[in-house]
Amino acid sequence: MTKRILIVEDNAAVMAYLEQTLTKNGYTVTTAINGLDGFNKAQKQDFDLCIVDHLMPLMNGLQFVKNMQSLSTTNSPKLIFLSTQDLAVVMQHPELKLVDKVLSKPISETDLLVNVSAVLAEQLATA
C-alpha cells in the first residue's frame, strides 16, 4: 500500500523538491502552503506522515504540531519537522517532543528518503 505524505512548506522551491523526490520514490504526496492549510487538509484526510516546515505564515510548524495532537484520529500520522535554524535551539521547543524526527534544511535527497523510510518503518512496528 502506498504511503500518504503531507508536505507543509511555504517555500515553493523546497516544496517542489520534496514533492518530486518523494513522488518519484513511490509515495503519494499532498502539499500545503502553510500550517493552516496543512491542518485543514489533515482534518479531511488521513496521512501516514507529515513533513512540516518550522517557520511559516498563518500557522507555523510548532503550532501545526500542537494542533495535530488535538485531532482524535485513530491513526495519527508520524511527524518529521524541518528547520533552517540551529537544531540545538529548535529542540528546546516543548512541541518537538511530539515529533518523530527533526532535520536540518537544506536536506539531501538521500537523507530525506532514509529518514522518511525509517519513520514510516517505526509506524509499522508500533501498529
N, C-alpha and C. Protein backbone atom coordinates (compact mmCIF):
# COMPACT_ATOMS: atom_id res chain seq x y z
N MET A 1 0.84 -1.20 0.00
CA MET A 1 0.00 0.00 0.00
C MET A 1 0.88 1.25 0.00
N THR A 2 0.54 2.15 -0.86
CA THR A 2 1.31 3.39 -0.98
C THR A 2 1.12 4.26 0.26
N LYS A 3 2.22 4.78 0.75
CA LYS A 3 2.16 5.66 1.92
C LYS A 3 1.76 7.07 1.49
N ARG A 4 0.89 7.69 2.30
CA ARG A 4 0.40 9.04 2.02
C ARG A 4 1.16 10.05 2.89
N ILE A 5 1.76 11.03 2.23
CA ILE A 5 2.57 12.03 2.93
C ILE A 5 2.02 13.42 2.67
N LEU A 6 1.88 14.19 3.73
CA LEU A 6 1.51 15.60 3.63
C LEU A 6 2.76 16.43 3.84
N ILE A 7 3.07 17.29 2.87
CA ILE A 7 4.20 18.22 3.00
C ILE A 7 3.63 19.60 3.30
N VAL A 8 4.05 20.18 4.42
CA VAL A 8 3.60 21.51 4.83
C VAL A 8 4.81 22.42 4.74
N GLU A 9 4.86 23.25 3.70
CA GLU A 9 6.06 24.04 3.39
C GLU A 9 5.66 25.29 2.62
N ASP A 10 6.11 26.46 3.08
CA ASP A 10 5.74 27.71 2.41
C ASP A 10 6.70 28.14 1.30
N ASN A 11 7.87 27.54 1.23
CA ASN A 11 8.85 27.88 0.19
C ASN A 11 8.57 27.00 -1.04
N ALA A 12 8.19 27.63 -2.15
CA ALA A 12 7.77 26.88 -3.34
C ALA A 12 8.88 25.98 -3.88
N ALA A 13 10.12 26.44 -3.87
CA ALA A 13 11.23 25.64 -4.40
C ALA A 13 11.48 24.41 -3.52
N VAL A 14 11.46 24.59 -2.21
CA VAL A 14 11.65 23.47 -1.28
C VAL A 14 10.49 22.49 -1.42
N MET A 15 9.28 23.02 -1.51
CA MET A 15 8.09 22.17 -1.68
C MET A 15 8.22 21.31 -2.93
N ALA A 16 8.59 21.93 -4.04
CA ALA A 16 8.71 21.20 -5.31
C ALA A 16 9.77 20.10 -5.20
N TYR A 17 10.88 20.41 -4.57
CA TYR A 17 11.97 19.45 -4.37
C TYR A 17 11.50 18.25 -3.54
N LEU A 18 10.86 18.53 -2.42
CA LEU A 18 10.37 17.46 -1.54
C LEU A 18 9.32 16.61 -2.26
N GLU A 19 8.38 17.29 -2.90
CA GLU A 19 7.30 16.58 -3.59
C GLU A 19 7.85 15.69 -4.71
N GLN A 20 8.74 16.23 -5.52
CA GLN A 20 9.31 15.47 -6.63
C GLN A 20 10.11 14.26 -6.12
N THR A 21 10.93 14.48 -5.10
CA THR A 21 11.75 13.40 -4.54
C THR A 21 10.87 12.27 -4.00
N LEU A 22 9.85 12.62 -3.26
CA LEU A 22 9.00 11.59 -2.65
C LEU A 22 8.11 10.90 -3.68
N THR A 23 7.57 11.66 -4.61
CA THR A 23 6.69 11.09 -5.64
C THR A 23 7.43 10.09 -6.51
N LYS A 24 8.65 10.46 -6.92
CA LYS A 24 9.40 9.55 -7.80
C LYS A 24 9.87 8.29 -7.05
N ASN A 25 9.77 8.31 -5.73
CA ASN A 25 10.12 7.14 -4.93
C ASN A 25 8.89 6.38 -4.43
N GLY A 26 7.76 6.64 -5.07
CA GLY A 26 6.57 5.83 -4.83
C GLY A 26 5.59 6.28 -3.77
N TYR A 27 5.81 7.46 -3.20
CA TYR A 27 4.88 7.96 -2.18
C TYR A 27 3.77 8.79 -2.82
N THR A 28 2.60 8.79 -2.21
CA THR A 28 1.50 9.65 -2.63
C THR A 28 1.62 10.94 -1.80
N VAL A 29 1.77 12.07 -2.48
CA VAL A 29 2.07 13.33 -1.80
C VAL A 29 0.95 14.34 -1.97
N THR A 30 0.59 14.97 -0.86
CA THR A 30 -0.32 16.11 -0.84
C THR A 30 0.49 17.28 -0.29
N THR A 31 0.27 18.48 -0.83
CA THR A 31 1.04 19.63 -0.36
C THR A 31 0.13 20.68 0.27
N ALA A 32 0.73 21.44 1.18
CA ALA A 32 0.05 22.55 1.84
C ALA A 32 1.03 23.71 1.94
N ILE A 33 0.54 24.93 1.72
CA ILE A 33 1.43 26.09 1.63
C ILE A 33 1.74 26.75 2.98
N ASN A 34 1.07 26.32 4.04
CA ASN A 34 1.37 26.81 5.39
C ASN A 34 0.69 25.89 6.39
N GLY A 35 0.93 26.13 7.65
CA GLY A 35 0.38 25.25 8.68
C GLY A 35 -1.13 25.19 8.72
N LEU A 36 -1.78 26.33 8.48
CA LEU A 36 -3.24 26.37 8.49
C LEU A 36 -3.80 25.52 7.35
N ASP A 37 -3.23 25.68 6.17
CA ASP A 37 -3.63 24.88 5.00
C ASP A 37 -3.39 23.39 5.29
N GLY A 38 -2.24 23.08 5.86
CA GLY A 38 -1.91 21.69 6.19
C GLY A 38 -2.85 21.10 7.22
N PHE A 39 -3.16 21.87 8.26
CA PHE A 39 -4.04 21.37 9.30
C PHE A 39 -5.44 21.12 8.75
N ASN A 40 -5.92 22.02 7.88
CA ASN A 40 -7.23 21.81 7.25
C ASN A 40 -7.24 20.52 6.43
N LYS A 41 -6.17 20.25 5.70
CA LYS A 41 -6.09 19.03 4.90
C LYS A 41 -5.99 17.79 5.80
N ALA A 42 -5.27 17.91 6.90
CA ALA A 42 -5.11 16.78 7.82
C ALA A 42 -6.43 16.43 8.52
N GLN A 43 -7.32 17.41 8.65
CA GLN A 43 -8.62 17.15 9.26
C GLN A 43 -9.54 16.39 8.30
N LYS A 44 -9.29 16.51 7.00
CA LYS A 44 -10.16 15.91 6.00
C LYS A 44 -9.66 14.58 5.45
N GLN A 45 -8.38 14.29 5.65
CA GLN A 45 -7.78 13.10 5.04
C GLN A 45 -6.76 12.51 6.00
N ASP A 46 -6.62 11.19 5.98
CA ASP A 46 -5.60 10.53 6.80
C ASP A 46 -4.27 10.48 6.06
N PHE A 47 -3.20 10.75 6.78
CA PHE A 47 -1.85 10.68 6.23
C PHE A 47 -1.03 9.75 7.11
N ASP A 48 -0.04 9.09 6.49
CA ASP A 48 0.88 8.25 7.24
C ASP A 48 1.99 9.09 7.86
N LEU A 49 2.32 10.21 7.18
CA LEU A 49 3.43 11.06 7.60
C LEU A 49 3.17 12.49 7.20
N CYS A 50 3.52 13.42 8.08
CA CYS A 50 3.50 14.85 7.75
C CYS A 50 4.94 15.36 7.86
N ILE A 51 5.40 16.04 6.81
CA ILE A 51 6.71 16.68 6.82
C ILE A 51 6.42 18.17 6.94
N VAL A 52 6.87 18.77 8.05
CA VAL A 52 6.43 20.11 8.42
C VAL A 52 7.61 21.07 8.53
N ASP A 53 7.48 22.21 7.85
CA ASP A 53 8.47 23.28 7.97
C ASP A 53 8.27 24.01 9.30
N HIS A 54 9.32 24.60 9.78
CA HIS A 54 9.30 25.31 11.06
C HIS A 54 8.62 26.68 10.93
N LEU A 55 9.22 27.57 10.15
CA LEU A 55 8.77 28.95 10.09
C LEU A 55 7.89 29.20 8.87
N MET A 56 6.60 29.45 9.11
CA MET A 56 5.63 29.69 8.04
C MET A 56 4.63 30.75 8.49
N PRO A 57 3.98 31.41 7.51
CA PRO A 57 2.93 32.37 7.87
C PRO A 57 1.64 31.66 8.28
N LEU A 58 0.75 32.38 8.93
CA LEU A 58 -0.58 31.95 9.37
C LEU A 58 -0.55 30.93 10.50
N MET A 59 0.19 29.85 10.34
CA MET A 59 0.36 28.87 11.42
C MET A 59 1.74 28.25 11.21
N ASN A 60 2.64 28.44 12.17
CA ASN A 60 3.98 27.88 12.00
C ASN A 60 3.98 26.39 12.30
N GLY A 61 5.12 25.76 12.08
CA GLY A 61 5.23 24.33 12.26
C GLY A 61 4.97 23.86 13.68
N LEU A 62 5.41 24.65 14.66
CA LEU A 62 5.19 24.28 16.06
C LEU A 62 3.70 24.26 16.39
N GLN A 63 2.98 25.26 15.92
CA GLN A 63 1.54 25.31 16.17
C GLN A 63 0.82 24.18 15.43
N PHE A 64 1.29 23.88 14.22
CA PHE A 64 0.73 22.76 13.46
C PHE A 64 0.87 21.45 14.25
N VAL A 65 2.07 21.23 14.80
CA VAL A 65 2.33 20.01 15.57
C VAL A 65 1.38 19.94 16.77
N LYS A 66 1.23 21.06 17.49
CA LYS A 66 0.32 21.09 18.64
C LYS A 66 -1.11 20.79 18.21
N ASN A 67 -1.53 21.41 17.12
CA ASN A 67 -2.90 21.22 16.64
C ASN A 67 -3.15 19.79 16.18
N MET A 68 -2.13 19.16 15.62
CA MET A 68 -2.30 17.77 15.16
C MET A 68 -2.60 16.85 16.34
N GLN A 69 -2.10 17.17 17.52
CA GLN A 69 -2.36 16.35 18.70
C GLN A 69 -3.83 16.41 19.10
N SER A 70 -4.51 17.48 18.72
CA SER A 70 -5.92 17.64 19.09
C SER A 70 -6.86 16.83 18.20
N LEU A 71 -6.35 16.36 17.06
CA LEU A 71 -7.19 15.55 16.19
C LEU A 71 -7.38 14.17 16.80
N SER A 72 -8.60 13.75 16.88
CA SER A 72 -8.86 12.45 17.51
C SER A 72 -8.97 11.37 16.43
N THR A 73 -7.88 11.18 15.70
CA THR A 73 -7.88 10.12 14.69
C THR A 73 -7.22 8.88 15.31
N THR A 74 -7.70 7.74 14.89
CA THR A 74 -7.14 6.50 15.42
C THR A 74 -5.74 6.27 14.86
N ASN A 75 -5.48 6.80 13.68
CA ASN A 75 -4.19 6.60 13.04
C ASN A 75 -3.46 7.94 12.93
N SER A 76 -2.86 8.38 14.02
CA SER A 76 -2.14 9.66 13.99
C SER A 76 -0.92 9.54 13.10
N PRO A 77 -0.69 10.52 12.23
CA PRO A 77 0.46 10.44 11.35
C PRO A 77 1.77 10.65 12.10
N LYS A 78 2.83 10.06 11.58
CA LYS A 78 4.17 10.36 12.06
C LYS A 78 4.50 11.78 11.63
N LEU A 79 5.45 12.42 12.31
CA LEU A 79 5.80 13.81 12.01
C LEU A 79 7.31 13.96 11.86
N ILE A 80 7.72 14.57 10.75
CA ILE A 80 9.10 14.99 10.55
C ILE A 80 9.09 16.51 10.48
N PHE A 81 9.93 17.13 11.30
CA PHE A 81 9.98 18.59 11.42
C PHE A 81 11.27 19.08 10.75
N LEU A 82 11.14 20.05 9.84
CA LEU A 82 12.29 20.61 9.13
C LEU A 82 12.54 22.05 9.56
N SER A 83 13.80 22.41 9.75
CA SER A 83 14.12 23.79 10.14
C SER A 83 15.46 24.21 9.58
N THR A 84 15.55 25.50 9.26
CA THR A 84 16.82 26.09 8.85
C THR A 84 17.57 26.64 10.07
N GLN A 85 16.92 26.66 11.21
CA GLN A 85 17.50 27.21 12.43
C GLN A 85 18.45 26.19 13.08
N ASP A 86 19.23 26.65 14.01
CA ASP A 86 20.14 25.79 14.76
C ASP A 86 19.31 24.75 15.52
N LEU A 87 19.55 23.47 15.24
CA LEU A 87 18.73 22.42 15.85
C LEU A 87 18.85 22.37 17.36
N ALA A 88 19.99 22.79 17.90
CA ALA A 88 20.14 22.82 19.36
C ALA A 88 19.14 23.80 19.98
N VAL A 89 18.88 24.89 19.29
CA VAL A 89 17.90 25.88 19.76
C VAL A 89 16.48 25.37 19.50
N VAL A 90 16.27 24.85 18.30
CA VAL A 90 14.94 24.37 17.91
C VAL A 90 14.45 23.27 18.86
N MET A 91 15.35 22.38 19.24
CA MET A 91 14.97 21.24 20.07
C MET A 91 14.49 21.65 21.47
N GLN A 92 14.69 22.90 21.85
CA GLN A 92 14.24 23.37 23.16
C GLN A 92 12.73 23.61 23.20
N HIS A 93 12.08 23.66 22.03
CA HIS A 93 10.63 23.87 22.00
C HIS A 93 9.93 22.61 22.50
N PRO A 94 9.05 22.75 23.48
CA PRO A 94 8.39 21.56 24.04
C PRO A 94 7.55 20.79 23.02
N GLU A 95 7.04 21.47 22.00
CA GLU A 95 6.22 20.81 20.99
C GLU A 95 6.99 19.71 20.25
N LEU A 96 8.31 19.83 20.23
CA LEU A 96 9.10 18.87 19.45
C LEU A 96 9.19 17.50 20.12
N LYS A 97 8.71 17.40 21.36
CA LYS A 97 8.58 16.08 21.97
C LYS A 97 7.51 15.26 21.25
N LEU A 98 6.66 15.95 20.50
CA LEU A 98 5.55 15.30 19.80
C LEU A 98 5.92 14.81 18.41
N VAL A 99 7.11 15.15 17.93
CA VAL A 99 7.50 14.76 16.57
C VAL A 99 8.43 13.55 16.61
N ASP A 100 8.50 12.88 15.48
CA ASP A 100 9.31 11.66 15.40
C ASP A 100 10.75 11.93 14.99
N LYS A 101 10.97 13.01 14.25
CA LYS A 101 12.32 13.31 13.75
C LYS A 101 12.41 14.80 13.46
N VAL A 102 13.55 15.41 13.81
CA VAL A 102 13.81 16.82 13.50
C VAL A 102 15.05 16.84 12.60
N LEU A 103 14.92 17.50 11.46
CA LEU A 103 16.01 17.53 10.48
C LEU A 103 16.32 18.95 10.05
N SER A 104 17.57 19.17 9.66
CA SER A 104 18.01 20.48 9.17
C SER A 104 17.74 20.62 7.69
N LYS A 105 17.40 21.84 7.30
CA LYS A 105 17.32 22.19 5.87
C LYS A 105 18.57 23.00 5.55
N PRO A 106 19.09 22.91 4.33
CA PRO A 106 18.60 22.04 3.26
C PRO A 106 18.91 20.58 3.56
N ILE A 107 18.09 19.70 2.98
CA ILE A 107 18.25 18.27 3.21
C ILE A 107 18.53 17.57 1.88
N SER A 108 19.46 16.65 1.90
CA SER A 108 19.79 15.93 0.67
C SER A 108 18.69 14.92 0.36
N GLU A 109 18.62 14.52 -0.88
CA GLU A 109 17.63 13.52 -1.29
C GLU A 109 17.83 12.22 -0.50
N THR A 110 19.07 11.80 -0.34
CA THR A 110 19.36 10.57 0.40
C THR A 110 18.91 10.67 1.85
N ASP A 111 19.26 11.78 2.53
CA ASP A 111 18.86 11.96 3.93
C ASP A 111 17.33 11.99 4.07
N LEU A 112 16.68 12.66 3.13
CA LEU A 112 15.22 12.72 3.17
C LEU A 112 14.63 11.32 3.08
N LEU A 113 15.05 10.56 2.08
CA LEU A 113 14.48 9.23 1.86
C LEU A 113 14.80 8.26 2.98
N VAL A 114 16.02 8.32 3.50
CA VAL A 114 16.40 7.44 4.61
C VAL A 114 15.54 7.74 5.85
N ASN A 115 15.36 9.01 6.16
CA ASN A 115 14.58 9.38 7.34
C ASN A 115 13.10 9.11 7.17
N VAL A 116 12.55 9.37 5.99
CA VAL A 116 11.14 9.07 5.74
C VAL A 116 10.91 7.57 5.89
N SER A 117 11.77 6.78 5.29
CA SER A 117 11.66 5.32 5.36
C SER A 117 11.75 4.84 6.81
N ALA A 118 12.69 5.38 7.57
CA ALA A 118 12.88 4.97 8.96
C ALA A 118 11.66 5.33 9.82
N VAL A 119 11.13 6.52 9.65
CA VAL A 119 9.98 6.95 10.45
C VAL A 119 8.75 6.12 10.08
N LEU A 120 8.56 5.85 8.80
CA LEU A 120 7.41 5.03 8.40
C LEU A 120 7.58 3.59 8.87
N ALA A 121 8.79 3.09 8.93
CA ALA A 121 9.05 1.73 9.45
C ALA A 121 8.69 1.64 10.93
N GLU A 122 8.95 2.72 11.68
CA GLU A 122 8.58 2.77 13.10
C GLU A 122 7.07 2.66 13.24
N GLN A 123 6.36 3.29 12.30
CA GLN A 123 4.90 3.25 12.33
C GLN A 123 4.41 1.82 12.17
N LEU A 124 5.02 1.06 11.27
CA LEU A 124 4.63 -0.33 11.07
C LEU A 124 4.93 -1.16 12.32
N ALA A 125 6.04 -0.86 12.97
CA ALA A 125 6.45 -1.63 14.15
C ALA A 125 5.50 -1.41 15.32
N THR A 126 4.90 -0.21 15.39
CA THR A 126 4.01 0.10 16.51
C THR A 126 2.56 -0.16 16.19
N ALA A 127 2.25 -0.48 14.93
CA ALA A 127 0.84 -0.69 14.53
C ALA A 127 0.32 -2.02 15.02
